[in-house]
């Protein structure tokens, strides 16, 4: 018998990408002149690295844990600075 996660009954986190974009704008307003590094390693903590990277592409740097994640970002058209 499949466990709960395999049946789609495991825990889920759903994020609002527009709210994420808005939060980045708010952080910029609250910390003018500061650089922002958005960490999107591990598939953006399970939220989908590419979709989150596109939303946070106005960050000064996108940070990942593995070179392969950086390569995936580049191959997907993300052209800003990437920190591994």
Foldseek 3Di string as FASTA:
>chain_A
DDDCVVVVNDDDDADDLVVVLVVVVVVCVVDPPDAFEAECEPCNVPHHSQVNCVSVLPGQEYEYDDVVSVVVNVVVPRDHHYHD
